[in-house]
PDB file of all heavy atoms in Angstrom:
ATOM      1  N   ILE A   1      14.253   9.149  -8.349  1.00  0.00           N
ATOM      2  CA  ILE A   1      14.220   8.023  -9.282  1.00  0.00           C
ATOM      3  C   ILE A   1      13.711   8.465 -10.649  1.00  0.00           C
ATOM      4  O   ILE A   1      14.288   8.126 -11.693  1.00  0.00           O
ATOM      5  CB  ILE A   1      13.339   6.886  -8.719  1.00  0.00           C
ATOM      6  CG1 ILE A   1      14.031   6.218  -7.540  1.00  0.00           C
ATOM      7  CG2 ILE A   1      13.037   5.848  -9.796  1.00  0.00           C
ATOM      8  CD1 ILE A   1      13.181   5.170  -6.860  1.00  0.00           C
ATOM      9  N   ALA A   2      12.620   9.227 -10.677  1.00  0.00           N
ATOM     10  CA  ALA A   2      12.037   9.673 -11.937  1.00  0.00           C
ATOM     11  C   ALA A   2      13.005  10.556 -12.715  1.00  0.00           C
ATOM     12  O   ALA A   2      13.070  10.495 -13.941  1.00  0.00           O
ATOM     13  CB  ALA A   2      10.738  10.415 -11.676  1.00  0.00           C
ATOM     14  N   ALA A   3      13.789  11.374 -11.987  1.00  0.00           N
ATOM     15  CA  ALA A   3      14.704  12.300 -12.653  1.00  0.00           C
ATOM     16  C   ALA A   3      15.986  11.623 -13.127  1.00  0.00           C
ATOM     17  O   ALA A   3      16.546  12.002 -14.156  1.00  0.00           O
ATOM     18  CB  ALA A   3      15.053  13.450 -11.703  1.00  0.00           C
ATOM     19  N   ARG A   4      16.442  10.589 -12.403  1.00  0.00           N
ATOM     20  CA  ARG A   4      17.770  10.041 -12.679  1.00  0.00           C
ATOM     21  C   ARG A   4      17.765   8.621 -13.234  1.00  0.00           C
ATOM     22  O   ARG A   4      18.683   8.226 -13.947  1.00  0.00           O
ATOM     23  CB  ARG A   4      18.606  10.060 -11.396  1.00  0.00           C
ATOM     24  CG  ARG A   4      18.761  11.456 -10.799  1.00  0.00           C
ATOM     25  CD  ARG A   4      19.408  11.409  -9.426  1.00  0.00           C
ATOM     26  NE  ARG A   4      19.375  12.705  -8.753  1.00  0.00           N
ATOM     27  CZ  ARG A   4      19.776  12.919  -7.507  1.00  0.00           C
ATOM     28  NH1 ARG A   4      20.251  11.907  -6.795  1.00  0.00           N
ATOM     29  NH2 ARG A   4      19.706  14.132  -6.982  1.00  0.00           N
ATOM     30  N   GLU A   5      16.734   7.818 -12.900  1.00  0.00           N
ATOM     31  CA  GLU A   5      16.768   6.406 -13.279  1.00  0.00           C
ATOM     32  C   GLU A   5      15.645   5.987 -14.221  1.00  0.00           C
ATOM     33  O   GLU A   5      15.688   4.888 -14.761  1.00  0.00           O
ATOM     34  CB  GLU A   5      16.726   5.528 -12.012  1.00  0.00           C
ATOM     35  CG  GLU A   5      17.887   5.795 -11.070  1.00  0.00           C
ATOM     36  CD  GLU A   5      17.840   4.907  -9.839  1.00  0.00           C
ATOM     37  OE1 GLU A   5      17.571   3.704  -9.984  1.00  0.00           O
ATOM     38  OE2 GLU A   5      18.064   5.420  -8.732  1.00  0.00           O
ATOM     39  N   GLY A   6      14.630   6.819 -14.385  1.00  0.00           N
ATOM     40  CA  GLY A   6      13.596   6.532 -15.361  1.00  0.00           C
ATOM     41  C   GLY A   6      12.400   5.784 -14.807  1.00  0.00           C
ATOM     42  O   GLY A   6      12.331   5.428 -13.630  1.00  0.00           O
ATOM     43  N   THR A   7      11.441   5.528 -15.707  1.00  0.00           N
ATOM     44  CA  THR A   7      10.150   4.988 -15.286  1.00  0.00           C
ATOM     45  C   THR A   7      10.214   3.515 -14.887  1.00  0.00           C
ATOM     46  O   THR A   7       9.393   3.055 -14.093  1.00  0.00           O
ATOM     47  CB  THR A   7       9.118   5.165 -16.408  1.00  0.00           C
ATOM     48  OG1 THR A   7       9.591   4.517 -17.596  1.00  0.00           O
ATOM     49  CG2 THR A   7       8.880   6.643 -16.696  1.00  0.00           C
ATOM     50  N   ALA A   8      11.180   2.756 -15.430  1.00  0.00           N
ATOM     51  CA  ALA A   8      11.252   1.332 -15.093  1.00  0.00           C
ATOM     52  C   ALA A   8      11.542   1.139 -13.599  1.00  0.00           C
ATOM     53  O   ALA A   8      10.898   0.321 -12.925  1.00  0.00           O
ATOM     54  CB  ALA A   8      12.322   0.637 -15.936  1.00  0.00           C
ATOM     55  N   GLU A   9      12.504   1.892 -13.078  1.00  0.00           N
ATOM     56  CA  GLU A   9      12.824   1.793 -11.649  1.00  0.00           C
ATOM     57  C   GLU A   9      11.699   2.359 -10.795  1.00  0.00           C
ATOM     58  O   GLU A   9      11.407   1.835  -9.717  1.00  0.00           O
ATOM     59  CB  GLU A   9      14.129   2.545 -11.363  1.00  0.00           C
ATOM     60  CG  GLU A   9      14.594   2.486  -9.918  1.00  0.00           C
ATOM     61  CD  GLU A   9      14.900   1.073  -9.441  1.00  0.00           C
ATOM     62  OE1 GLU A   9      15.159   0.201 -10.292  1.00  0.00           O
ATOM     63  OE2 GLU A   9      14.875   0.860  -8.203  1.00  0.00           O
ATOM     64  N   LEU A  10      11.053   3.423 -11.264  1.00  0.00           N
ATOM     65  CA  LEU A  10       9.916   3.979 -10.536  1.00  0.00           C
ATOM     66  C   LEU A  10       8.792   2.952 -10.455  1.00  0.00           C
ATOM     67  O   LEU A  10       8.158   2.789  -9.405  1.00  0.00           O
ATOM     68  CB  LEU A  10       9.423   5.253 -11.219  1.00  0.00           C
ATOM     69  CG  LEU A  10       8.207   5.930 -10.575  1.00  0.00           C
ATOM     70  CD1 LEU A  10       8.517   6.360  -9.149  1.00  0.00           C
ATOM     71  CD2 LEU A  10       7.755   7.130 -11.407  1.00  0.00           C
ATOM     72  N   SER A  11       8.553   2.249 -11.549  1.00  0.00           N
ATOM     73  CA  SER A  11       7.512   1.223 -11.557  1.00  0.00           C
ATOM     74  C   SER A  11       7.837   0.110 -10.565  1.00  0.00           C
ATOM     75  O   SER A  11       6.954  -0.370  -9.842  1.00  0.00           O
ATOM     76  CB  SER A  11       7.367   0.642 -12.969  1.00  0.00           C
ATOM     77  OG  SER A  11       6.391  -0.378 -13.001  1.00  0.00           O
ATOM     78  N   ARG A  12       9.094  -0.288 -10.484  1.00  0.00           N
ATOM     79  CA  ARG A  12       9.481  -1.344  -9.549  1.00  0.00           C
ATOM     80  C   ARG A  12       9.279  -0.898  -8.105  1.00  0.00           C
ATOM     81  O   ARG A  12       8.779  -1.657  -7.265  1.00  0.00           O
ATOM     82  CB  ARG A  12      10.956  -1.716  -9.772  1.00  0.00           C
ATOM     83  CG  ARG A  12      11.417  -2.935  -8.974  1.00  0.00           C
ATOM     84  CD  ARG A  12      12.891  -3.208  -9.233  1.00  0.00           C
ATOM     85  NE  ARG A  12      13.716  -2.202  -8.594  1.00  0.00           N
ATOM     86  CZ  ARG A  12      14.113  -2.248  -7.322  1.00  0.00           C
ATOM     87  NH1 ARG A  12      13.741  -3.254  -6.550  1.00  0.00           N
ATOM     88  NH2 ARG A  12      14.883  -1.300  -6.818  1.00  0.00           N
ATOM     89  N   THR A  13       9.639   0.351  -7.808  1.00  0.00           N
ATOM     90  CA  THR A  13       9.460   0.882  -6.453  1.00  0.00           C
ATOM     91  C   THR A  13       7.979   0.976  -6.093  1.00  0.00           C
ATOM     92  O   THR A  13       7.579   0.643  -4.971  1.00  0.00           O
ATOM     93  CB  THR A  13      10.120   2.269  -6.337  1.00  0.00           C
ATOM     94  OG1 THR A  13      11.502   2.169  -6.713  1.00  0.00           O
ATOM     95  CG2 THR A  13      10.028   2.796  -4.921  1.00  0.00           C
ATOM     96  N   LEU A  14       7.162   1.423  -7.027  1.00  0.00           N
ATOM     97  CA  LEU A  14       5.719   1.515  -6.783  1.00  0.00           C
ATOM     98  C   LEU A  14       5.120   0.130  -6.546  1.00  0.00           C
ATOM     99  O   LEU A  14       4.219  -0.034  -5.714  1.00  0.00           O
ATOM    100  CB  LEU A  14       5.026   2.181  -7.975  1.00  0.00           C
ATOM    101  CG  LEU A  14       5.208   3.691  -8.114  1.00  0.00           C
ATOM    102  CD1 LEU A  14       4.663   4.170  -9.452  1.00  0.00           C
ATOM    103  CD2 LEU A  14       4.507   4.416  -6.974  1.00  0.00           C
ATOM    104  N   ARG A  15       5.622  -0.858  -7.265  1.00  0.00           N
ATOM    105  CA  ARG A  15       5.097  -2.219  -7.118  1.00  0.00           C
ATOM    106  C   ARG A  15       5.372  -2.746  -5.705  1.00  0.00           C
ATOM    107  O   ARG A  15       4.501  -3.342  -5.069  1.00  0.00           O
ATOM    108  CB  ARG A  15       5.741  -3.129  -8.173  1.00  0.00           C
ATOM    109  CG  ARG A  15       5.058  -4.480  -8.342  1.00  0.00           C
ATOM    110  CD  ARG A  15       5.704  -5.268  -9.468  1.00  0.00           C
ATOM    111  NE  ARG A  15       5.571  -4.574 -10.746  1.00  0.00           N
ATOM    112  CZ  ARG A  15       6.583  -4.116 -11.472  1.00  0.00           C
ATOM    113  NH1 ARG A  15       7.830  -4.271 -11.046  1.00  0.00           N
ATOM    114  NH2 ARG A  15       6.374  -3.511 -12.617  1.00  0.00           N
ATOM    115  N   ARG A  16       6.566  -2.506  -5.207  1.00  0.00           N
ATOM    116  CA  ARG A  16       6.904  -2.956  -3.857  1.00  0.00           C
ATOM    117  C   ARG A  16       6.104  -2.191  -2.806  1.00  0.00           C
ATOM    118  O   ARG A  16       5.659  -2.763  -1.794  1.00  0.00           O
ATOM    119  CB  ARG A  16       8.401  -2.777  -3.617  1.00  0.00           C
ATOM    120  CG  ARG A  16       9.276  -3.666  -4.503  1.00  0.00           C
ATOM    121  CD  ARG A  16      10.743  -3.402  -4.281  1.00  0.00           C
ATOM    122  NE  ARG A  16      11.162  -3.761  -2.921  1.00  0.00           N
ATOM    123  CZ  ARG A  16      12.386  -3.568  -2.453  1.00  0.00           C
ATOM    124  NH1 ARG A  16      13.310  -3.014  -3.236  1.00  0.00           N
ATOM    125  NH2 ARG A  16      12.699  -3.924  -1.230  1.00  0.00           N
ATOM    126  N   THR A  17       5.904  -0.897  -3.037  1.00  0.00           N
ATOM    127  CA  THR A  17       5.098  -0.105  -2.112  1.00  0.00           C
ATOM    128  C   THR A  17       3.656  -0.583  -2.094  1.00  0.00           C
ATOM    129  O   THR A  17       3.034  -0.712  -1.028  1.00  0.00           O
ATOM    130  CB  THR A  17       5.140   1.384  -2.510  1.00  0.00           C
ATOM    131  OG1 THR A  17       6.502   1.821  -2.593  1.00  0.00           O
ATOM    132  CG2 THR A  17       4.399   2.238  -1.498  1.00  0.00           C
ATOM    133  N   LEU A  18       3.113  -0.864  -3.274  1.00  0.00           N
ATOM    134  CA  LEU A  18       1.732  -1.331  -3.378  1.00  0.00           C
ATOM    135  C   LEU A  18       1.547  -2.657  -2.652  1.00  0.00           C
ATOM    136  O   LEU A  18       0.518  -2.881  -1.993  1.00  0.00           O
ATOM    137  CB  LEU A  18       1.344  -1.468  -4.851  1.00  0.00           C
ATOM    138  CG  LEU A  18      -0.066  -1.975  -5.149  1.00  0.00           C
ATOM    139  CD1 LEU A  18      -1.115  -1.094  -4.486  1.00  0.00           C
ATOM    140  CD2 LEU A  18      -0.296  -2.050  -6.658  1.00  0.00           C
ATOM    141  N   GLU A  19       2.521  -3.542  -2.750  1.00  0.00           N
ATOM    142  CA  GLU A  19       2.419  -4.826  -2.053  1.00  0.00           C
ATOM    143  C   GLU A  19       2.330  -4.611  -0.548  1.00  0.00           C
ATOM    144  O   GLU A  19       1.530  -5.272   0.140  1.00  0.00           O
ATOM    145  CB  GLU A  19       3.629  -5.696  -2.391  1.00  0.00           C
ATOM    146  CG  GLU A  19       3.583  -7.068  -1.740  1.00  0.00           C
ATOM    147  CD  GLU A  19       4.768  -7.946  -2.121  1.00  0.00           C
ATOM    148  OE1 GLU A  19       5.514  -7.562  -3.041  1.00  0.00           O
ATOM    149  OE2 GLU A  19       4.940  -9.010  -1.500  1.00  0.00           O
ATOM    150  N   GLY A  20       3.131  -3.694  -0.025  1.00  0.00           N
ATOM    151  CA  GLY A  20       3.069  -3.411   1.406  1.00  0.00           C
ATOM    152  C   GLY A  20       1.733  -2.825   1.818  1.00  0.00           C
ATOM    153  O   GLY A  20       1.168  -3.193   2.855  1.00  0.00           O
ATOM    154  N   LEU A  21       1.186  -1.916   1.006  1.00  0.00           N
ATOM    155  CA  LEU A  21      -0.113  -1.325   1.315  1.00  0.00           C
ATOM    156  C   LEU A  21      -1.222  -2.369   1.307  1.00  0.00           C
ATOM    157  O   LEU A  21      -2.122  -2.348   2.154  1.00  0.00           O
ATOM    158  CB  LEU A  21      -0.440  -0.210   0.317  1.00  0.00           C
ATOM    159  CG  LEU A  21       0.378   1.081   0.432  1.00  0.00           C
ATOM    160  CD1 LEU A  21      -0.018   2.060  -0.656  1.00  0.00           C
ATOM    161  CD2 LEU A  21       0.190   1.727   1.798  1.00  0.00           C
ATOM    162  N   VAL A  22      -1.158  -3.290   0.350  1.00  0.00           N
ATOM    163  CA  VAL A  22      -2.163  -4.352   0.284  1.00  0.00           C
ATOM    164  C   VAL A  22      -2.131  -5.186   1.559  1.00  0.00           C
ATOM    165  O   VAL A  22      -3.172  -5.474   2.162  1.00  0.00           O
ATOM    166  CB  VAL A  22      -1.922  -5.226  -0.957  1.00  0.00           C
ATOM    167  CG1 VAL A  22      -2.712  -6.531  -0.861  1.00  0.00           C
ATOM    168  CG2 VAL A  22      -2.321  -4.476  -2.229  1.00  0.00           C
ATOM    169  N   LEU A  23      -0.932  -5.572   1.989  1.00  0.00           N
ATOM    170  CA  LEU A  23      -0.801  -6.429   3.167  1.00  0.00           C
ATOM    171  C   LEU A  23      -1.305  -5.740   4.433  1.00  0.00           C
ATOM    172  O   LEU A  23      -1.908  -6.380   5.297  1.00  0.00           O
ATOM    173  CB  LEU A  23       0.658  -6.852   3.353  1.00  0.00           C
ATOM    174  CG  LEU A  23       1.229  -7.837   2.325  1.00  0.00           C
ATOM    175  CD1 LEU A  23       2.704  -8.091   2.595  1.00  0.00           C
ATOM    176  CD2 LEU A  23       0.460  -9.154   2.365  1.00  0.00           C
ATOM    177  N   PHE A  24      -1.072  -4.435   4.549  1.00  0.00           N
ATOM    178  CA  PHE A  24      -1.433  -3.728   5.777  1.00  0.00           C
ATOM    179  C   PHE A  24      -2.869  -3.217   5.776  1.00  0.00           C
ATOM    180  O   PHE A  24      -3.573  -3.324   6.776  1.00  0.00           O
ATOM    181  CB  PHE A  24      -0.480  -2.550   6.007  1.00  0.00           C
ATOM    182  CG  PHE A  24       0.810  -2.933   6.657  1.00  0.00           C
ATOM    183  CD1 PHE A  24       1.972  -3.053   5.913  1.00  0.00           C
ATOM    184  CD2 PHE A  24       0.869  -3.188   8.014  1.00  0.00           C
ATOM    185  CE1 PHE A  24       3.173  -3.420   6.503  1.00  0.00           C
ATOM    186  CE2 PHE A  24       2.052  -3.551   8.624  1.00  0.00           C
ATOM    187  CZ  PHE A  24       3.215  -3.671   7.868  1.00  0.00           C
ATOM    188  N   LEU A  25      -3.308  -2.647   4.652  1.00  0.00           N
ATOM    189  CA  LEU A  25      -4.558  -1.897   4.675  1.00  0.00           C
ATOM    190  C   LEU A  25      -5.806  -2.755   4.528  1.00  0.00           C
ATOM    191  O   LEU A  25      -6.873  -2.374   5.024  1.00  0.00           O
ATOM    192  CB  LEU A  25      -4.529  -0.822   3.581  1.00  0.00           C
ATOM    193  CG  LEU A  25      -3.541   0.316   3.828  1.00  0.00           C
ATOM    194  CD1 LEU A  25      -3.565   1.299   2.672  1.00  0.00           C
ATOM    195  CD2 LEU A  25      -3.854   1.038   5.129  1.00  0.00           C
ATOM    196  N   LEU A  26      -5.719  -3.886   3.853  1.00  0.00           N
ATOM    197  CA  LEU A  26      -6.907  -4.729   3.720  1.00  0.00           C
ATOM    198  C   LEU A  26      -7.420  -5.218   5.083  1.00  0.00           C
ATOM    199  O   LEU A  26      -8.617  -5.079   5.386  1.00  0.00           O
ATOM    200  CB  LEU A  26      -6.631  -5.904   2.788  1.00  0.00           C
ATOM    201  CG  LEU A  26      -6.557  -5.577   1.294  1.00  0.00           C
ATOM    202  CD1 LEU A  26      -6.305  -6.837   0.481  1.00  0.00           C
ATOM    203  CD2 LEU A  26      -7.831  -4.895   0.817  1.00  0.00           C
ATOM    204  N   PRO A  27      -6.569  -5.783   5.947  1.00  0.00           N
ATOM    205  CA  PRO A  27      -7.085  -6.209   7.258  1.00  0.00           C
ATOM    206  C   PRO A  27      -7.501  -5.036   8.139  1.00  0.00           C
ATOM    207  O   PRO A  27      -8.452  -5.155   8.916  1.00  0.00           O
ATOM    208  CB  PRO A  27      -5.904  -6.969   7.871  1.00  0.00           C
ATOM    209  CG  PRO A  27      -4.703  -6.413   7.203  1.00  0.00           C
ATOM    210  CD  PRO A  27      -5.146  -6.136   5.794  1.00  0.00           C
ATOM    211  N   VAL A  28      -6.806  -3.910   8.032  1.00  0.00           N
ATOM    212  CA  VAL A  28      -7.175  -2.745   8.834  1.00  0.00           C
ATOM    213  C   VAL A  28      -8.551  -2.233   8.419  1.00  0.00           C
ATOM    214  O   VAL A  28      -9.376  -1.865   9.264  1.00  0.00           O
ATOM    215  CB  VAL A  28      -6.108  -1.639   8.695  1.00  0.00           C
ATOM    216  CG1 VAL A  28      -6.589  -0.351   9.345  1.00  0.00           C
ATOM    217  CG2 VAL A  28      -4.801  -2.085   9.329  1.00  0.00           C
ATOM    218  N   THR A  29      -8.806  -2.217   7.124  1.00  0.00           N
ATOM    219  CA  THR A  29     -10.124  -1.792   6.642  1.00  0.00           C
ATOM    220  C   THR A  29     -11.214  -2.720   7.174  1.00  0.00           C
ATOM    221  O   THR A  29     -12.245  -2.264   7.688  1.00  0.00           O
ATOM    222  CB  THR A  29     -10.150  -1.789   5.100  1.00  0.00           C
ATOM    223  OG1 THR A  29      -9.182  -0.846   4.623  1.00  0.00           O
ATOM    224  CG2 THR A  29     -11.520  -1.403   4.579  1.00  0.00           C
ATOM    225  N   ALA A  30     -10.994  -4.032   7.055  1.00  0.00           N
ATOM    226  CA  ALA A  30     -11.991  -4.997   7.535  1.00  0.00           C
ATOM    227  C   ALA A  30     -12.207  -4.853   9.037  1.00  0.00           C
ATOM    228  O   ALA A  30     -13.356  -4.847   9.525  1.00  0.00           O
ATOM    229  CB  ALA A  30     -11.541  -6.417   7.199  1.00  0.00           C
ATOM    230  N   GLY A  31     -11.121  -4.731   9.805  1.00  0.00           N
ATOM    231  CA  GLY A  31     -11.246  -4.585  11.245  1.00  0.00           C
ATOM    232  C   GLY A  31     -11.963  -3.311  11.647  1.00  0.00           C
ATOM    233  O   GLY A  31     -12.775  -3.304  12.583  1.00  0.00           O
ATOM    234  N   SER A  32     -11.702  -2.202  10.938  1.00  0.00           N
ATOM    235  CA  SER A  32     -12.356  -0.934  11.253  1.00  0.00           C
ATOM    236  C   SER A  32     -13.860  -1.005  11.011  1.00  0.00           C
ATOM    237  O   SER A  32     -14.649  -0.450  11.781  1.00  0.00           O
ATOM    238  CB  SER A  32     -11.745   0.196  10.416  1.00  0.00           C
ATOM    239  OG  SER A  32     -10.367   0.351  10.699  1.00  0.00           O
ATOM    240  N   VAL A  33     -14.252  -1.676   9.936  1.00  0.00           N
ATOM    241  CA  VAL A  33     -15.682  -1.791   9.624  1.00  0.00           C
ATOM    242  C   VAL A  33     -16.388  -2.665  10.654  1.00  0.00           C
ATOM    243  O   VAL A  33     -17.440  -2.305  11.194  1.00  0.00           O
ATOM    244  CB  VAL A  33     -15.877  -2.348   8.202  1.00  0.00           C
ATOM    245  CG1 VAL A  33     -17.349  -2.652   7.938  1.00  0.00           C
ATOM    246  CG2 VAL A  33     -15.349  -1.360   7.159  1.00  0.00           C
ATOM    247  N   VAL A  34     -15.808  -3.831  10.959  1.00  0.00           N
ATOM    248  CA  VAL A  34     -16.462  -4.779  11.858  1.00  0.00           C
ATOM    249  C   VAL A  34     -16.480  -4.269  13.295  1.00  0.00           C
ATOM    250  O   VAL A  34     -17.482  -4.420  14.021  1.00  0.00           O
ATOM    251  CB  VAL A  34     -15.776  -6.159  11.779  1.00  0.00           C
ATOM    252  CG1 VAL A  34     -16.377  -7.121  12.805  1.00  0.00           C
ATOM    253  CG2 VAL A  34     -15.911  -6.735  10.376  1.00  0.00           C
ATOM    254  N   LEU A  35     -15.396  -3.635  13.732  1.00  0.00           N
ATOM    255  CA  LEU A  35     -15.267  -3.205  15.136  1.00  0.00           C
ATOM    256  C   LEU A  35     -15.622  -1.733  15.343  1.00  0.00           C
ATOM    257  O   LEU A  35     -15.261  -1.159  16.373  1.00  0.00           O
ATOM    258  CB  LEU A  35     -13.839  -3.451  15.620  1.00  0.00           C
ATOM    259  CG  LEU A  35     -13.337  -4.893  15.581  1.00  0.00           C
ATOM    260  CD1 LEU A  35     -11.879  -4.960  16.029  1.00  0.00           C
ATOM    261  CD2 LEU A  35     -14.206  -5.792  16.450  1.00  0.00           C
ATOM    262  N   ALA A  36     -16.335  -1.133  14.404  1.00  0.00           N
ATOM    263  CA  ALA A  36     -16.618   0.302  14.485  1.00  0.00           C
ATOM    264  C   ALA A  36     -17.308   0.678  15.787  1.00  0.00           C
ATOM    265  O   ALA A  36     -16.924   1.651  16.450  1.00  0.00           O
ATOM    266  CB  ALA A  36     -17.465   0.735  13.282  1.00  0.00           C
ATOM    267  N   LEU A  37     -18.325  -0.086  16.181  1.00  0.00           N
ATOM    268  CA  LEU A  37     -19.094   0.278  17.375  1.00  0.00           C
ATOM    269  C   LEU A  37     -18.254   0.211  18.652  1.00  0.00           C
ATOM    270  O   LEU A  37     -18.216   1.184  19.422  1.00  0.00           O
ATOM    271  CB  LEU A  37     -20.328  -0.603  17.496  1.00  0.00           C
ATOM    272  CG  LEU A  37     -21.290  -0.255  18.642  1.00  0.00           C
ATOM    273  CD1 LEU A  37     -21.810   1.170  18.479  1.00  0.00           C
ATOM    274  CD2 LEU A  37     -22.450  -1.243  18.691  1.00  0.00           C
ATOM    275  N   PRO A  38     -17.563  -0.901  18.946  1.00  0.00           N
ATOM    276  CA  PRO A  38     -16.735  -0.903  20.160  1.00  0.00           C
ATOM    277  C   PRO A  38     -15.595   0.100  20.128  1.00  0.00           C
ATOM    278  O   PRO A  38     -15.244   0.685  21.164  1.00  0.00           O
ATOM    279  CB  PRO A  38     -16.213  -2.352  20.242  1.00  0.00           C
ATOM    280  CG  PRO A  38     -16.426  -2.941  18.906  1.00  0.00           C
ATOM    281  CD  PRO A  38     -17.594  -2.234  18.309  1.00  0.00           C
ATOM    282  N   VAL A  39     -15.011   0.353  18.950  1.00  0.00           N
ATOM    283  CA  VAL A  39     -13.918   1.324  18.864  1.00  0.00           C
ATOM    284  C   VAL A  39     -14.408   2.722  19.228  1.00  0.00           C
ATOM    285  O   VAL A  39     -13.803   3.423  20.047  1.00  0.00           O
ATOM    286  CB  VAL A  39     -13.295   1.309  17.449  1.00  0.00           C
ATOM    287  CG1 VAL A  39     -12.385   2.523  17.251  1.00  0.00           C
ATOM    288  CG2 VAL A  39     -12.494   0.030  17.230  1.00  0.00           C
TER     289      VAL A  39
END
């Protein structure tokens, strides 16, 4: 993308990736902290 389509498309792809990371990693982080001892 960076080589052929430029920074605008790269920014759009990063934005979609970031949204997925936010949805997945925030609850996983909270669960890991709270459940550390039983895990």
